Amino acid sequence: VLMLKSGVHATLAGVITAFCIPLTDRS
């Protein structure tokens, strides 16, 4: 939502979020 409002193309938020998903978690 914030990227959409900022003028940066909002679909890039999908890529950024994906890179914040860990390959492995604590378990």
mmCIF file of all heavy atoms, coordinates in Angstrom:
data_MODEL
# 
_entry.id   MODEL 
# 
loop_
_atom_site.group_PDB 
_atom_site.id 
_atom_site.type_symbol 
_atom_site.label_atom_id 
_atom_site.label_alt_id 
_atom_site.label_comp_id 
_atom_site.label_asym_id 
_atom_site.label_entity_id 
_atom_site.label_seq_id 
_atom_site.pdbx_PDB_ins_code 
_atom_site.Cartn_x 
_atom_site.Cartn_y 
_atom_site.Cartn_z 
_atom_site.occupancy 
_atom_site.B_iso_or_equiv 
_atom_site.pdbx_formal_charge 
_atom_site.auth_seq_id 
_atom_site.auth_comp_id 
_atom_site.auth_asym_id 
_atom_site.auth_atom_id 
_atom_site.pdbx_PDB_model_num 
ATOM 1   N N   . VAL A 1 1  ? 0.831  -1.204  0.000   1.00 0.00 ? 1  VAL A N   1 
ATOM 2   C CA  . VAL A 1 1  ? 0.000  0.000   0.000   1.00 0.00 ? 1  VAL A CA  1 
ATOM 3   C C   . VAL A 1 1  ? 0.867  1.258   0.000   1.00 0.00 ? 1  VAL A C   1 
ATOM 4   O O   . VAL A 1 1  ? 0.642  2.198   -0.775  1.00 0.00 ? 1  VAL A O   1 
ATOM 5   C CB  . VAL A 1 1  ? -0.959 0.012   1.209   1.00 0.00 ? 1  VAL A CB  1 
ATOM 6   C CG1 . VAL A 1 1  ? -1.698 1.346   1.303   1.00 0.00 ? 1  VAL A CG1 1 
ATOM 7   C CG2 . VAL A 1 1  ? -1.960 -1.141  1.116   1.00 0.00 ? 1  VAL A CG2 1 
ATOM 8   N N   . LEU A 1 2  ? 1.876  1.273   0.847   1.00 0.00 ? 2  LEU A N   1 
ATOM 9   C CA  . LEU A 1 2  ? 2.735  2.454   0.960   1.00 0.00 ? 2  LEU A CA  1 
ATOM 10  C C   . LEU A 1 2  ? 3.549  2.689   -0.310  1.00 0.00 ? 2  LEU A C   1 
ATOM 11  O O   . LEU A 1 2  ? 3.743  3.833   -0.734  1.00 0.00 ? 2  LEU A O   1 
ATOM 12  C CB  . LEU A 1 2  ? 3.661  2.316   2.171   1.00 0.00 ? 2  LEU A CB  1 
ATOM 13  C CG  . LEU A 1 2  ? 2.961  2.350   3.536   1.00 0.00 ? 2  LEU A CG  1 
ATOM 14  C CD1 . LEU A 1 2  ? 3.940  2.019   4.657   1.00 0.00 ? 2  LEU A CD1 1 
ATOM 15  C CD2 . LEU A 1 2  ? 2.317  3.720   3.776   1.00 0.00 ? 2  LEU A CD2 1 
ATOM 16  N N   . MET A 1 3  ? 4.019  1.611   -0.941  1.00 0.00 ? 3  MET A N   1 
ATOM 17  C CA  . MET A 1 3  ? 4.766  1.766   -2.185  1.00 0.00 ? 3  MET A CA  1 
ATOM 18  C C   . MET A 1 3  ? 3.843  2.222   -3.308  1.00 0.00 ? 3  MET A C   1 
ATOM 19  O O   . MET A 1 3  ? 4.237  3.019   -4.173  1.00 0.00 ? 3  MET A O   1 
ATOM 20  C CB  . MET A 1 3  ? 5.477  0.458   -2.549  1.00 0.00 ? 3  MET A CB  1 
ATOM 21  C CG  . MET A 1 3  ? 6.615  0.101   -1.601  1.00 0.00 ? 3  MET A CG  1 
ATOM 22  S SD  . MET A 1 3  ? 7.604  -1.312  -2.133  1.00 0.00 ? 3  MET A SD  1 
ATOM 23  C CE  . MET A 1 3  ? 8.510  -0.623  -3.499  1.00 0.00 ? 3  MET A CE  1 
ATOM 24  N N   . LEU A 1 4  ? 2.609  1.711   -3.314  1.00 0.00 ? 4  LEU A N   1 
ATOM 25  C CA  . LEU A 1 4  ? 1.628  2.155   -4.302  1.00 0.00 ? 4  LEU A CA  1 
ATOM 26  C C   . LEU A 1 4  ? 1.386  3.658   -4.177  1.00 0.00 ? 4  LEU A C   1 
ATOM 27  O O   . LEU A 1 4  ? 1.348  4.389   -5.169  1.00 0.00 ? 4  LEU A O   1 
ATOM 28  C CB  . LEU A 1 4  ? 0.319  1.388   -4.107  1.00 0.00 ? 4  LEU A CB  1 
ATOM 29  C CG  . LEU A 1 4  ? -0.802 1.672   -5.111  1.00 0.00 ? 4  LEU A CG  1 
ATOM 30  C CD1 . LEU A 1 4  ? -0.427 1.161   -6.489  1.00 0.00 ? 4  LEU A CD1 1 
ATOM 31  C CD2 . LEU A 1 4  ? -2.107 1.033   -4.648  1.00 0.00 ? 4  LEU A CD2 1 
ATOM 32  N N   . LYS A 1 5  ? 1.250  4.128   -2.942  1.00 0.00 ? 5  LYS A N   1 
ATOM 33  C CA  . LYS A 1 5  ? 1.013  5.553   -2.688  1.00 0.00 ? 5  LYS A CA  1 
ATOM 34  C C   . LYS A 1 5  ? 2.260  6.396   -2.973  1.00 0.00 ? 5  LYS A C   1 
ATOM 35  O O   . LYS A 1 5  ? 2.156  7.577   -3.297  1.00 0.00 ? 5  LYS A O   1 
ATOM 36  C CB  . LYS A 1 5  ? 0.593  5.759   -1.227  1.00 0.00 ? 5  LYS A CB  1 
ATOM 37  C CG  . LYS A 1 5  ? -0.766 5.171   -0.868  1.00 0.00 ? 5  LYS A CG  1 
ATOM 38  C CD  . LYS A 1 5  ? -1.885 6.010   -1.435  1.00 0.00 ? 5  LYS A CD  1 
ATOM 39  C CE  . LYS A 1 5  ? -3.238 5.583   -0.905  1.00 0.00 ? 5  LYS A CE  1 
ATOM 40  N NZ  . LYS A 1 5  ? -4.321 6.445   -1.445  1.00 0.00 ? 5  LYS A NZ  1 
ATOM 41  N N   . SER A 1 6  ? 3.449  5.782   -2.857  1.00 0.00 ? 6  SER A N   1 
ATOM 42  C CA  . SER A 1 6  ? 4.694  6.549   -3.008  1.00 0.00 ? 6  SER A CA  1 
ATOM 43  C C   . SER A 1 6  ? 5.046  6.839   -4.461  1.00 0.00 ? 6  SER A C   1 
ATOM 44  O O   . SER A 1 6  ? 5.839  7.732   -4.747  1.00 0.00 ? 6  SER A O   1 
ATOM 45  C CB  . SER A 1 6  ? 5.857  5.788   -2.357  1.00 0.00 ? 6  SER A CB  1 
ATOM 46  O OG  . SER A 1 6  ? 6.233  4.680   -3.166  1.00 0.00 ? 6  SER A OG  1 
ATOM 47  N N   . GLY A 1 7  ? 4.481  6.049   -5.386  1.00 0.00 ? 7  GLY A N   1 
ATOM 48  C CA  . GLY A 1 7  ? 4.831  6.206   -6.796  1.00 0.00 ? 7  GLY A CA  1 
ATOM 49  C C   . GLY A 1 7  ? 5.746  5.128   -7.311  1.00 0.00 ? 7  GLY A C   1 
ATOM 50  O O   . GLY A 1 7  ? 5.857  4.920   -8.519  1.00 0.00 ? 7  GLY A O   1 
ATOM 51  N N   . VAL A 1 8  ? 6.431  4.413   -6.414  1.00 0.00 ? 8  VAL A N   1 
ATOM 52  C CA  . VAL A 1 8  ? 7.230  3.244   -6.817  1.00 0.00 ? 8  VAL A CA  1 
ATOM 53  C C   . VAL A 1 8  ? 6.258  2.129   -7.173  1.00 0.00 ? 8  VAL A C   1 
ATOM 54  O O   . VAL A 1 8  ? 5.256  1.934   -6.489  1.00 0.00 ? 8  VAL A O   1 
ATOM 55  C CB  . VAL A 1 8  ? 8.157  2.783   -5.674  1.00 0.00 ? 8  VAL A CB  1 
ATOM 56  C CG1 . VAL A 1 8  ? 8.901  1.509   -6.065  1.00 0.00 ? 8  VAL A CG1 1 
ATOM 57  C CG2 . VAL A 1 8  ? 9.148  3.882   -5.331  1.00 0.00 ? 8  VAL A CG2 1 
ATOM 58  N N   . HIS A 1 9  ? 6.555  1.401   -8.262  1.00 0.00 ? 9  HIS A N   1 
ATOM 59  C CA  . HIS A 1 9  ? 5.556  0.415   -8.675  1.00 0.00 ? 9  HIS A CA  1 
ATOM 60  C C   . HIS A 1 9  ? 5.332  -0.629  -7.589  1.00 0.00 ? 9  HIS A C   1 
ATOM 61  O O   . HIS A 1 9  ? 6.270  -1.248  -7.092  1.00 0.00 ? 9  HIS A O   1 
ATOM 62  C CB  . HIS A 1 9  ? 5.936  -0.267  -9.990  1.00 0.00 ? 9  HIS A CB  1 
ATOM 63  C CG  . HIS A 1 9  ? 4.738  -0.850  -10.666 1.00 0.00 ? 9  HIS A CG  1 
ATOM 64  N ND1 . HIS A 1 9  ? 4.273  -2.101  -10.393 1.00 0.00 ? 9  HIS A ND1 1 
ATOM 65  C CD2 . HIS A 1 9  ? 3.858  -0.304  -11.534 1.00 0.00 ? 9  HIS A CD2 1 
ATOM 66  C CE1 . HIS A 1 9  ? 3.180  -2.328  -11.096 1.00 0.00 ? 9  HIS A CE1 1 
ATOM 67  N NE2 . HIS A 1 9  ? 2.906  -1.256  -11.794 1.00 0.00 ? 9  HIS A NE2 1 
ATOM 68  N N   . ALA A 1 10 ? 4.067  -0.822  -7.231  1.00 0.00 ? 10 ALA A N   1 
ATOM 69  C CA  . ALA A 1 10 ? 3.714  -1.591  -6.039  1.00 0.00 ? 10 ALA A CA  1 
ATOM 70  C C   . ALA A 1 10 ? 4.089  -3.064  -6.132  1.00 0.00 ? 10 ALA A C   1 
ATOM 71  O O   . ALA A 1 10 ? 4.280  -3.721  -5.103  1.00 0.00 ? 10 ALA A O   1 
ATOM 72  C CB  . ALA A 1 10 ? 2.222  -1.450  -5.759  1.00 0.00 ? 10 ALA A CB  1 
ATOM 73  N N   . THR A 1 11 ? 4.175  -3.617  -7.345  1.00 0.00 ? 11 THR A N   1 
ATOM 74  C CA  . THR A 1 11 ? 4.510  -5.037  -7.464  1.00 0.00 ? 11 THR A CA  1 
ATOM 75  C C   . THR A 1 11 ? 5.896  -5.342  -6.904  1.00 0.00 ? 11 THR A C   1 
ATOM 76  O O   . THR A 1 11 ? 6.173  -6.486  -6.522  1.00 0.00 ? 11 THR A O   1 
ATOM 77  C CB  . THR A 1 11 ? 4.453  -5.479  -8.935  1.00 0.00 ? 11 THR A CB  1 
ATOM 78  O OG1 . THR A 1 11 ? 5.230  -4.577  -9.725  1.00 0.00 ? 11 THR A OG1 1 
ATOM 79  C CG2 . THR A 1 11 ? 3.027  -5.495  -9.452  1.00 0.00 ? 11 THR A CG2 1 
ATOM 80  N N   . LEU A 1 12 ? 6.759  -4.333  -6.844  1.00 0.00 ? 12 LEU A N   1 
ATOM 81  C CA  . LEU A 1 12 ? 8.092  -4.544  -6.280  1.00 0.00 ? 12 LEU A CA  1 
ATOM 82  C C   . LEU A 1 12 ? 8.026  -4.910  -4.800  1.00 0.00 ? 12 LEU A C   1 
ATOM 83  O O   . LEU A 1 12 ? 8.950  -5.525  -4.268  1.00 0.00 ? 12 LEU A O   1 
ATOM 84  C CB  . LEU A 1 12 ? 8.953  -3.294  -6.474  1.00 0.00 ? 12 LEU A CB  1 
ATOM 85  C CG  . LEU A 1 12 ? 9.221  -2.884  -7.926  1.00 0.00 ? 12 LEU A CG  1 
ATOM 86  C CD1 . LEU A 1 12 ? 10.005 -1.593  -7.981  1.00 0.00 ? 12 LEU A CD1 1 
ATOM 87  C CD2 . LEU A 1 12 ? 9.947  -3.991  -8.668  1.00 0.00 ? 12 LEU A CD2 1 
ATOM 88  N N   . ALA A 1 13 ? 6.930  -4.526  -4.139  1.00 0.00 ? 13 ALA A N   1 
ATOM 89  C CA  . ALA A 1 13 ? 6.748  -4.908  -2.737  1.00 0.00 ? 13 ALA A CA  1 
ATOM 90  C C   . ALA A 1 13 ? 6.709  -6.428  -2.601  1.00 0.00 ? 13 ALA A C   1 
ATOM 91  O O   . ALA A 1 13 ? 7.138  -6.976  -1.579  1.00 0.00 ? 13 ALA A O   1 
ATOM 92  C CB  . ALA A 1 13 ? 5.471  -4.297  -2.171  1.00 0.00 ? 13 ALA A CB  1 
ATOM 93  N N   . GLY A 1 14 ? 6.204  -7.117  -3.621  1.00 0.00 ? 14 GLY A N   1 
ATOM 94  C CA  . GLY A 1 14 ? 6.174  -8.574  -3.592  1.00 0.00 ? 14 GLY A CA  1 
ATOM 95  C C   . GLY A 1 14 ? 7.562  -9.161  -3.560  1.00 0.00 ? 14 GLY A C   1 
ATOM 96  O O   . GLY A 1 14 ? 7.850  -10.090 -2.796  1.00 0.00 ? 14 GLY A O   1 
ATOM 97  N N   . VAL A 1 15 ? 8.469  -8.619  -4.389  1.00 0.00 ? 15 VAL A N   1 
ATOM 98  C CA  . VAL A 1 15 ? 9.849  -9.110  -4.428  1.00 0.00 ? 15 VAL A CA  1 
ATOM 99  C C   . VAL A 1 15 ? 10.559 -8.825  -3.110  1.00 0.00 ? 15 VAL A C   1 
ATOM 100 O O   . VAL A 1 15 ? 11.249 -9.688  -2.555  1.00 0.00 ? 15 VAL A O   1 
ATOM 101 C CB  . VAL A 1 15 ? 10.615 -8.453  -5.594  1.00 0.00 ? 15 VAL A CB  1 
ATOM 102 C CG1 . VAL A 1 15 ? 12.060 -8.947  -5.633  1.00 0.00 ? 15 VAL A CG1 1 
ATOM 103 C CG2 . VAL A 1 15 ? 9.925  -8.748  -6.917  1.00 0.00 ? 15 VAL A CG2 1 
ATOM 104 N N   . ILE A 1 16 ? 10.383 -7.604  -2.599  1.00 0.00 ? 16 ILE A N   1 
ATOM 105 C CA  . ILE A 1 16 ? 11.039 -7.219  -1.344  1.00 0.00 ? 16 ILE A CA  1 
ATOM 106 C C   . ILE A 1 16 ? 10.562 -8.105  -0.197  1.00 0.00 ? 16 ILE A C   1 
ATOM 107 O O   . ILE A 1 16 ? 11.372 -8.577  0.620   1.00 0.00 ? 16 ILE A O   1 
ATOM 108 C CB  . ILE A 1 16 ? 10.760 -5.731  -1.036  1.00 0.00 ? 16 ILE A CB  1 
ATOM 109 C CG1 . ILE A 1 16 ? 11.426 -4.848  -2.095  1.00 0.00 ? 16 ILE A CG1 1 
ATOM 110 C CG2 . ILE A 1 16 ? 11.269 -5.367  0.360   1.00 0.00 ? 16 ILE A CG2 1 
ATOM 111 C CD1 . ILE A 1 16 ? 11.012 -3.400  -2.015  1.00 0.00 ? 16 ILE A CD1 1 
ATOM 112 N N   . THR A 1 17 ? 9.259  -8.353  -0.127  1.00 0.00 ? 17 THR A N   1 
ATOM 113 C CA  . THR A 1 17 ? 8.712  -9.217  0.932   1.00 0.00 ? 17 THR A CA  1 
ATOM 114 C C   . THR A 1 17 ? 9.272  -10.625 0.824   1.00 0.00 ? 17 THR A C   1 
ATOM 115 O O   . THR A 1 17 ? 9.622  -11.255 1.836   1.00 0.00 ? 17 THR A O   1 
ATOM 116 C CB  . THR A 1 17 ? 7.176  -9.255  0.852   1.00 0.00 ? 17 THR A CB  1 
ATOM 117 O OG1 . THR A 1 17 ? 6.661  -7.924  0.948   1.00 0.00 ? 17 THR A OG1 1 
ATOM 118 C CG2 . THR A 1 17 ? 6.589  -10.100 1.979   1.00 0.00 ? 17 THR A CG2 1 
ATOM 119 N N   . ALA A 1 18 ? 9.388  -11.127 -0.412  1.00 0.00 ? 18 ALA A N   1 
ATOM 120 C CA  . ALA A 1 18 ? 9.917  -12.483 -0.620  1.00 0.00 ? 18 ALA A CA  1 
ATOM 121 C C   . ALA A 1 18 ? 11.331 -12.615 -0.077  1.00 0.00 ? 18 ALA A C   1 
ATOM 122 O O   . ALA A 1 18 ? 11.692 -13.638 0.521   1.00 0.00 ? 18 ALA A O   1 
ATOM 123 C CB  . ALA A 1 18 ? 9.872  -12.830 -2.104  1.00 0.00 ? 18 ALA A CB  1 
ATOM 124 N N   . PHE A 1 19 ? 12.152 -11.590 -0.258  1.00 0.00 ? 19 PHE A N   1 
ATOM 125 C CA  . PHE A 1 19 ? 13.534 -11.646 0.212   1.00 0.00 ? 19 PHE A CA  1 
ATOM 126 C C   . PHE A 1 19 ? 13.624 -11.533 1.735   1.00 0.00 ? 19 PHE A C   1 
ATOM 127 O O   . PHE A 1 19 ? 14.690 -11.756 2.308   1.00 0.00 ? 19 PHE A O   1 
ATOM 128 C CB  . PHE A 1 19 ? 14.375 -10.563 -0.466  1.00 0.00 ? 19 PHE A CB  1 
ATOM 129 C CG  . PHE A 1 19 ? 14.971 -11.012 -1.766  1.00 0.00 ? 19 PHE A CG  1 
ATOM 130 C CD1 . PHE A 1 19 ? 14.198 -11.047 -2.917  1.00 0.00 ? 19 PHE A CD1 1 
ATOM 131 C CD2 . PHE A 1 19 ? 16.279 -11.428 -1.846  1.00 0.00 ? 19 PHE A CD2 1 
ATOM 132 C CE1 . PHE A 1 19 ? 14.732 -11.477 -4.121  1.00 0.00 ? 19 PHE A CE1 1 
ATOM 133 C CE2 . PHE A 1 19 ? 16.830 -11.863 -3.038  1.00 0.00 ? 19 PHE A CE2 1 
ATOM 134 C CZ  . PHE A 1 19 ? 16.050 -11.897 -4.191  1.00 0.00 ? 19 PHE A CZ  1 
ATOM 135 N N   . CYS A 1 20 ? 12.507 -11.205 2.380   1.00 0.00 ? 20 CYS A N   1 
ATOM 136 C CA  . CYS A 1 20 ? 12.463 -11.174 3.846   1.00 0.00 ? 20 CYS A CA  1 
ATOM 137 C C   . CYS A 1 20 ? 11.939 -12.483 4.434   1.00 0.00 ? 20 CYS A C   1 
ATOM 138 O O   . CYS A 1 20 ? 11.814 -12.615 5.656   1.00 0.00 ? 20 CYS A O   1 
ATOM 139 C CB  . CYS A 1 20 ? 11.587 -10.009 4.323   1.00 0.00 ? 20 CYS A CB  1 
ATOM 140 S SG  . CYS A 1 20 ? 12.258 -8.375  3.935   1.00 0.00 ? 20 CYS A SG  1 
ATOM 141 N N   . ILE A 1 21 ? 11.634 -13.448 3.580   1.00 0.00 ? 21 ILE A N   1 
ATOM 142 C CA  . ILE A 1 21 ? 11.203 -14.775 4.042   1.00 0.00 ? 21 ILE A CA  1 
ATOM 143 C C   . ILE A 1 21 ? 12.446 -15.627 4.256   1.00 0.00 ? 21 ILE A C   1 
ATOM 144 O O   . ILE A 1 21 ? 13.231 -15.841 3.327   1.00 0.00 ? 21 ILE A O   1 
ATOM 145 C CB  . ILE A 1 21 ? 10.268 -15.452 3.012   1.00 0.00 ? 21 ILE A CB  1 
ATOM 146 C CG1 . ILE A 1 21 ? 9.035  -14.582 2.740   1.00 0.00 ? 21 ILE A CG1 1 
ATOM 147 C CG2 . ILE A 1 21 ? 9.856  -16.828 3.499   1.00 0.00 ? 21 ILE A CG2 1 
ATOM 148 C CD1 . ILE A 1 21 ? 8.150  -14.351 3.922   1.00 0.00 ? 21 ILE A CD1 1 
ATOM 149 N N   . PRO A 1 22 ? 12.680 -16.134 5.475   1.00 0.00 ? 22 PRO A N   1 
ATOM 150 C CA  . PRO A 1 22 ? 13.913 -16.909 5.735   1.00 0.00 ? 22 PRO A CA  1 
ATOM 151 C C   . PRO A 1 22 ? 13.892 -18.275 5.065   1.00 0.00 ? 22 PRO A C   1 
ATOM 152 O O   . PRO A 1 22 ? 12.828 -18.892 4.923   1.00 0.00 ? 22 PRO A O   1 
ATOM 153 C CB  . PRO A 1 22 ? 13.917 -17.037 7.259   1.00 0.00 ? 22 PRO A CB  1 
ATOM 154 C CG  . PRO A 1 22 ? 12.490 -16.900 7.671   1.00 0.00 ? 22 PRO A CG  1 
ATOM 155 C CD  . PRO A 1 22 ? 11.849 -15.970 6.684   1.00 0.00 ? 22 PRO A CD  1 
ATOM 156 N N   . LEU A 1 23 ? 15.072 -18.724 4.656   1.00 0.00 ? 23 LEU A N   1 
ATOM 157 C CA  . LEU A 1 23 ? 15.184 -20.076 4.094   1.00 0.00 ? 23 LEU A CA  1 
ATOM 158 C C   . LEU A 1 23 ? 14.903 -21.115 5.161   1.00 0.00 ? 23 LEU A C   1 
ATOM 159 O O   . LEU A 1 23 ? 14.228 -22.120 4.906   1.00 0.00 ? 23 LEU A O   1 
ATOM 160 C CB  . LEU A 1 23 ? 16.578 -20.283 3.496   1.00 0.00 ? 23 LEU A CB  1 
ATOM 161 C CG  . LEU A 1 23 ? 16.834 -21.638 2.841   1.00 0.00 ? 23 LEU A CG  1 
ATOM 162 C CD1 . LEU A 1 23 ? 15.911 -21.855 1.651   1.00 0.00 ? 23 LEU A CD1 1 
ATOM 163 C CD2 . LEU A 1 23 ? 18.297 -21.756 2.413   1.00 0.00 ? 23 LEU A CD2 1 
ATOM 164 N N   . THR A 1 24 ? 15.415 -20.882 6.382   1.00 0.00 ? 24 THR A N   1 
ATOM 165 C CA  . THR A 1 24 ? 15.139 -21.770 7.509   1.00 0.00 ? 24 THR A CA  1 
ATOM 166 C C   . THR A 1 24 ? 14.785 -20.929 8.728   1.00 0.00 ? 24 THR A C   1 
ATOM 167 O O   . THR A 1 24 ? 15.329 -19.842 8.920   1.00 0.00 ? 24 THR A O   1 
ATOM 168 C CB  . THR A 1 24 ? 16.359 -22.658 7.844   1.00 0.00 ? 24 THR A CB  1 
ATOM 169 O OG1 . THR A 1 24 ? 17.497 -21.828 8.074   1.00 0.00 ? 24 THR A OG1 1 
ATOM 170 C CG2 . THR A 1 24 ? 16.654 -23.621 6.705   1.00 0.00 ? 24 THR A CG2 1 
ATOM 171 N N   . ASP A 1 25 ? 13.865 -21.456 9.564   1.00 0.00 ? 25 ASP A N   1 
ATOM 172 C CA  . ASP A 1 25 ? 13.497 -20.743 10.783  1.00 0.00 ? 25 ASP A CA  1 
ATOM 173 C C   . ASP A 1 25 ? 14.181 -21.384 11.994  1.00 0.00 ? 25 ASP A C   1 
ATOM 174 O O   . ASP A 1 25 ? 15.044 -22.253 11.846  1.00 0.00 ? 25 ASP A O   1 
ATOM 175 C CB  . ASP A 1 25 ? 11.970 -20.720 10.962  1.00 0.00 ? 25 ASP A CB  1 
ATOM 176 C CG  . ASP A 1 25 ? 11.363 -22.122 11.029  1.00 0.00 ? 25 ASP A CG  1 
ATOM 177 O OD1 . ASP A 1 25 ? 12.092 -23.070 11.385  1.00 0.00 ? 25 ASP A OD1 1 
ATOM 178 O OD2 . ASP A 1 25 ? 10.166 -22.276 10.734  1.00 0.00 ? 25 ASP A OD2 1 
ATOM 179 N N   . ARG A 1 26 ? 13.796 -20.957 13.182  1.00 0.00 ? 26 ARG A N   1 
ATOM 180 C CA  . ARG A 1 26 ? 14.444 -21.462 14.407  1.00 0.00 ? 26 ARG A CA  1 
ATOM 181 C C   . ARG A 1 26 ? 14.266 -22.960 14.589  1.00 0.00 ? 26 ARG A C   1 
ATOM 182 O O   . ARG A 1 26 ? 15.084 -23.630 15.212  1.00 0.00 ? 26 ARG A O   1 
ATOM 183 C CB  . ARG A 1 26 ? 13.874 -20.729 15.634  1.00 0.00 ? 26 ARG A CB  1 
ATOM 184 C CG  . ARG A 1 26 ? 14.327 -19.284 15.751  1.00 0.00 ? 26 ARG A CG  1 
ATOM 185 C CD  . ARG A 1 26 ? 13.992 -18.730 17.124  1.00 0.00 ? 26 ARG A CD  1 
ATOM 186 N NE  . ARG A 1 26 ? 12.567 -18.758 17.393  1.00 0.00 ? 26 ARG A NE  1 
ATOM 187 C CZ  . ARG A 1 26 ? 11.774 -17.703 17.283  1.00 0.00 ? 26 ARG A CZ  1 
ATOM 188 N NH1 . ARG A 1 26 ? 12.265 -16.536 16.911  1.00 0.00 ? 26 ARG A NH1 1 
ATOM 189 N NH2 . ARG A 1 26 ? 10.479 -17.803 17.564  1.00 0.00 ? 26 ARG A NH2 1 
ATOM 190 N N   . SER A 1 27 ? 13.176 -23.503 14.047  1.00 0.00 ? 27 SER A N   1 
ATOM 191 C CA  . SER A 1 27 ? 12.911 -24.935 14.228  1.00 0.00 ? 27 SER A CA  1 
ATOM 192 C C   . SER A 1 27 ? 13.573 -25.792 13.159  1.00 0.00 ? 27 SER A C   1 
ATOM 193 O O   . SER A 1 27 ? 13.452 -27.019 13.166  1.00 0.00 ? 27 SER A O   1 
ATOM 194 C CB  . SER A 1 27 ? 11.397 -25.180 14.201  1.00 0.00 ? 27 SER A CB  1 
ATOM 195 O OG  . SER A 1 27 ? 10.860 -24.848 12.928  1.00 0.00 ? 27 SER A OG  1 
# 
